[in-house]
């Protein structure tokens, strides 16, 4: 067994401060240690008698934490959204409203950042 299992960041807050917790026998969960997130996979708050939603070993806990829903059509969806933004920008800029173009650029940048972040995960 590896000394330290690699865990992906929290899927909700992005914190890299995540850990595997358990009773060192057969009840494990993974939890985000961000003070405002409280995300966990497995139910550490249960008593041992009720621990049927936990993982039997650290490897299983890490594997399940690291699973992420894959969006197979992400490139297509991203292209469609960017194309839509271009069309909005074209129509709205005909009104000579500079701020609309700026807002669309900001949305485009955020969308591109989301795509890059998805690639990292």
C-alpha atoms as a PDB file:
ATOM      1  CA  UNK A   1       0.000   0.000   0.000  1.00  0.00           C
ATOM      2  CA  UNK A   2       1.378   3.445  -0.889  1.00  0.00           C
ATOM      3  CA  UNK A   3       2.497   5.570   2.039  1.00  0.00           C
ATOM      4  CA  UNK A   4       0.238   8.431   0.938  1.00  0.00           C
ATOM      5  CA  UNK A   5      -2.607   8.120  -1.546  1.00  0.00           C
ATOM      6  CA  UNK A   6      -3.007  11.020  -3.939  1.00  0.00           C
ATOM      7  CA  UNK A   7      -6.371  12.757  -3.666  1.00  0.00           C
ATOM      8  CA  UNK A   8      -7.862  15.238  -6.112  1.00  0.00           C
ATOM      9  CA  UNK A   9      -8.995  18.620  -4.800  1.00  0.00           C
ATOM     10  CA  UNK A  10     -12.499  18.986  -3.408  1.00  0.00           C
ATOM     11  CA  UNK A  11     -15.010  18.954  -6.276  1.00  0.00           C
ATOM     12  CA  UNK A  12     -17.042  21.707  -4.612  1.00  0.00           C
ATOM     13  CA  UNK A  13     -14.639  24.289  -3.203  1.00  0.00           C
ATOM     14  CA  UNK A  14     -11.411  23.266  -4.987  1.00  0.00           C
ATOM     15  CA  UNK A  15      -9.429  22.968  -1.754  1.00  0.00           C
ATOM     16  CA  UNK A  16      -6.414  20.680  -1.892  1.00  0.00           C
ATOM     17  CA  UNK A  17      -6.707  20.177   1.856  1.00  0.00           C
ATOM     18  CA  UNK A  18      -8.452  16.792   1.761  1.00  0.00           C
ATOM     19  CA  UNK A  19      -7.733  13.671   3.773  1.00  0.00           C
ATOM     20  CA  UNK A  20      -8.757  10.091   4.330  1.00  0.00           C
ATOM     21  CA  UNK A  21     -10.185   9.494   7.782  1.00  0.00           C
ATOM     22  CA  UNK A  22     -11.123   6.264   9.454  1.00  0.00           C
ATOM     23  CA  UNK A  23     -10.726   3.853  12.288  1.00  0.00           C
ATOM     24  CA  UNK A  24      -7.636   2.178  10.768  1.00  0.00           C
ATOM     25  CA  UNK A  25      -9.451  -1.141  10.317  1.00  0.00           C
ATOM     26  CA  UNK A  26     -12.255  -1.121   7.773  1.00  0.00           C
ATOM     27  CA  UNK A  27     -14.238   2.116   7.947  1.00  0.00           C
ATOM     28  CA  UNK A  28     -12.880   4.999   5.854  1.00  0.00           C
ATOM     29  CA  UNK A  29     -14.142   8.189   4.279  1.00  0.00           C
ATOM     30  CA  UNK A  30     -12.591  11.139   2.479  1.00  0.00           C
ATOM     31  CA  UNK A  31     -13.266  14.652   3.655  1.00  0.00           C
ATOM     32  CA  UNK A  32     -12.473  18.201   2.679  1.00  0.00           C
ATOM     33  CA  UNK A  33     -10.765  20.074   5.512  1.00  0.00           C
ATOM     34  CA  UNK A  34     -11.832  23.528   4.306  1.00  0.00           C
ATOM     35  CA  UNK A  35     -13.602  25.158   7.272  1.00  0.00           C
ATOM     36  CA  UNK A  36     -16.506  26.361   5.150  1.00  0.00           C
ATOM     37  CA  UNK A  37     -17.041  23.391   2.809  1.00  0.00           C
ATOM     38  CA  UNK A  38     -17.679  20.202   4.825  1.00  0.00           C
ATOM     39  CA  UNK A  39     -17.715  17.966   1.731  1.00  0.00           C
ATOM     40  CA  UNK A  40     -17.152  14.294   2.462  1.00  0.00           C
ATOM     41  CA  UNK A  41     -17.543  10.932   0.796  1.00  0.00           C
ATOM     42  CA  UNK A  42     -18.531   8.335   3.346  1.00  0.00           C
ATOM     43  CA  UNK A  43     -20.274   9.026   6.626  1.00  0.00           C
ATOM     44  CA  UNK A  44     -17.853   9.417   9.511  1.00  0.00           C
ATOM     45  CA  UNK A  45     -20.538  10.769  11.819  1.00  0.00           C
ATOM     46  CA  UNK A  46     -22.268   7.393  11.952  1.00  0.00           C
ATOM     47  CA  UNK A  47     -21.584   5.031  14.791  1.00  0.00           C
ATOM     48  CA  UNK A  48     -19.648   1.934  13.845  1.00  0.00           C
ATOM     49  CA  UNK A  49     -22.877  -0.099  14.031  1.00  0.00           C
ATOM     50  CA  UNK A  50     -24.323   2.012  11.203  1.00  0.00           C
ATOM     51  CA  UNK A  51     -21.176   2.394   9.108  1.00  0.00           C
ATOM     52  CA  UNK A  52     -22.564   0.869   5.937  1.00  0.00           C
ATOM     53  CA  UNK A  53     -21.834   3.910   3.769  1.00  0.00           C
ATOM     54  CA  UNK A  54     -18.102   3.870   4.354  1.00  0.00           C
ATOM     55  CA  UNK A  55     -15.240   2.281   2.458  1.00  0.00           C
ATOM     56  CA  UNK A  56     -13.485  -0.888   3.545  1.00  0.00           C
ATOM     57  CA  UNK A  57      -9.988   0.359   2.749  1.00  0.00           C
ATOM     58  CA  UNK A  58      -8.134   3.588   2.034  1.00  0.00           C
ATOM     59  CA  UNK A  59      -7.584   2.711  -1.618  1.00  0.00           C
ATOM     60  CA  UNK A  60     -11.326   2.369  -2.258  1.00  0.00           C
ATOM     61  CA  UNK A  61     -12.002   5.650  -0.490  1.00  0.00           C
ATOM     62  CA  UNK A  62      -9.357   7.443  -2.579  1.00  0.00           C
ATOM     63  CA  UNK A  63     -10.532   5.850  -5.830  1.00  0.00           C
ATOM     64  CA  UNK A  64     -14.139   6.902  -5.276  1.00  0.00           C
ATOM     65  CA  UNK A  65     -13.172  10.424  -4.176  1.00  0.00           C
ATOM     66  CA  UNK A  66     -11.055  10.880  -7.286  1.00  0.00           C
ATOM     67  CA  UNK A  67     -13.835   9.788  -9.647  1.00  0.00           C
ATOM     68  CA  UNK A  68     -15.309  12.748 -11.497  1.00  0.00           C
ATOM     69  CA  UNK A  69     -18.235  12.815 -13.833  1.00  0.00           C
ATOM     70  CA  UNK A  70     -16.806  13.164 -17.296  1.00  0.00           C
ATOM     71  CA  UNK A  71     -18.550  15.361 -19.792  1.00  0.00           C
ATOM     72  CA  UNK A  72     -17.861  13.597 -23.061  1.00  0.00           C
ATOM     73  CA  UNK A  73     -19.175  16.463 -25.148  1.00  0.00           C
ATOM     74  CA  UNK A  74     -17.238  19.182 -23.290  1.00  0.00           C
ATOM     75  CA  UNK A  75     -15.351  20.412 -26.413  1.00  0.00           C
ATOM     76  CA  UNK A  76     -18.557  20.570 -28.449  1.00  0.00           C
ATOM     77  CA  UNK A  77     -20.494  22.282 -25.664  1.00  0.00           C
ATOM     78  CA  UNK A  78     -17.706  24.761 -25.137  1.00  0.00           C
ATOM     79  CA  UNK A  79     -17.595  25.572 -28.866  1.00  0.00           C
ATOM     80  CA  UNK A  80     -21.368  26.039 -29.007  1.00  0.00           C
ATOM     81  CA  UNK A  81     -21.364  28.371 -26.024  1.00  0.00           C
ATOM     82  CA  UNK A  82     -18.491  30.406 -27.417  1.00  0.00           C
ATOM     83  CA  UNK A  83     -20.270  30.651 -30.762  1.00  0.00           C
ATOM     84  CA  UNK A  84     -23.424  31.810 -28.980  1.00  0.00           C
ATOM     85  CA  UNK A  85     -21.467  34.464 -27.129  1.00  0.00           C
ATOM     86  CA  UNK A  86     -20.006  35.671 -30.417  1.00  0.00           C
ATOM     87  CA  UNK A  87     -23.505  36.018 -31.876  1.00  0.00           C
ATOM     88  CA  UNK A  88     -24.731  37.897 -28.787  1.00  0.00           C
ATOM     89  CA  UNK A  89     -21.739  40.169 -28.942  1.00  0.00           C
ATOM     90  CA  UNK A  90     -22.309  40.873 -32.654  1.00  0.00           C
ATOM     91  CA  UNK A  91     -25.954  41.815 -32.138  1.00  0.00           C
ATOM     92  CA  UNK A  92     -25.438  43.801 -28.984  1.00  0.00           C
ATOM     93  CA  UNK A  93     -22.401  45.709 -30.204  1.00  0.00           C
ATOM     94  CA  UNK A  94     -24.485  47.156 -32.997  1.00  0.00           C
ATOM     95  CA  UNK A  95     -26.027  49.243 -30.226  1.00  0.00           C
ATOM     96  CA  UNK A  96     -22.569  50.766 -29.636  1.00  0.00           C
ATOM     97  CA  UNK A  97     -22.624  49.771 -26.001  1.00  0.00           C
ATOM     98  CA  UNK A  98     -19.019  49.164 -25.063  1.00  0.00           C
ATOM     99  CA  UNK A  99     -19.836  47.595 -21.714  1.00  0.00           C
ATOM    100  CA  UNK A 100     -21.792  44.781 -23.342  1.00  0.00           C
ATOM    101  CA  UNK A 101     -18.678  43.729 -25.263  1.00  0.00           C
ATOM    102  CA  UNK A 102     -16.637  43.846 -22.068  1.00  0.00           C
ATOM    103  CA  UNK A 103     -19.184  41.661 -20.247  1.00  0.00           C
ATOM    104  CA  UNK A 104     -19.189  39.115 -23.047  1.00  0.00           C
ATOM    105  CA  UNK A 105     -15.376  39.009 -22.985  1.00  0.00           C
ATOM    106  CA  UNK A 106     -15.457  38.352 -19.237  1.00  0.00           C
ATOM    107  CA  UNK A 107     -17.937  35.509 -19.715  1.00  0.00           C
ATOM    108  CA  UNK A 108     -15.756  34.045 -22.468  1.00  0.00           C
ATOM    109  CA  UNK A 109     -12.668  34.161 -20.229  1.00  0.00           C
ATOM    110  CA  UNK A 110     -14.528  32.446 -17.402  1.00  0.00           C
ATOM    111  CA  UNK A 111     -15.801  29.727 -19.712  1.00  0.00           C
ATOM    112  CA  UNK A 112     -12.308  29.083 -21.030  1.00  0.00           C
ATOM    113  CA  UNK A 113     -11.006  28.898 -17.451  1.00  0.00           C
ATOM    114  CA  UNK A 114     -13.698  26.329 -16.579  1.00  0.00           C
ATOM    115  CA  UNK A 115     -12.633  24.223 -19.560  1.00  0.00           C
ATOM    116  CA  UNK A 116      -9.000  24.374 -18.468  1.00  0.00           C
ATOM    117  CA  UNK A 117      -9.939  23.444 -14.922  1.00  0.00           C
ATOM    118  CA  UNK A 118     -11.971  20.472 -16.221  1.00  0.00           C
ATOM    119  CA  UNK A 119      -8.880  19.308 -18.120  1.00  0.00           C
ATOM    120  CA  UNK A 120      -6.811  19.454 -14.893  1.00  0.00           C
ATOM    121  CA  UNK A 121      -9.277  17.226 -13.057  1.00  0.00           C
END
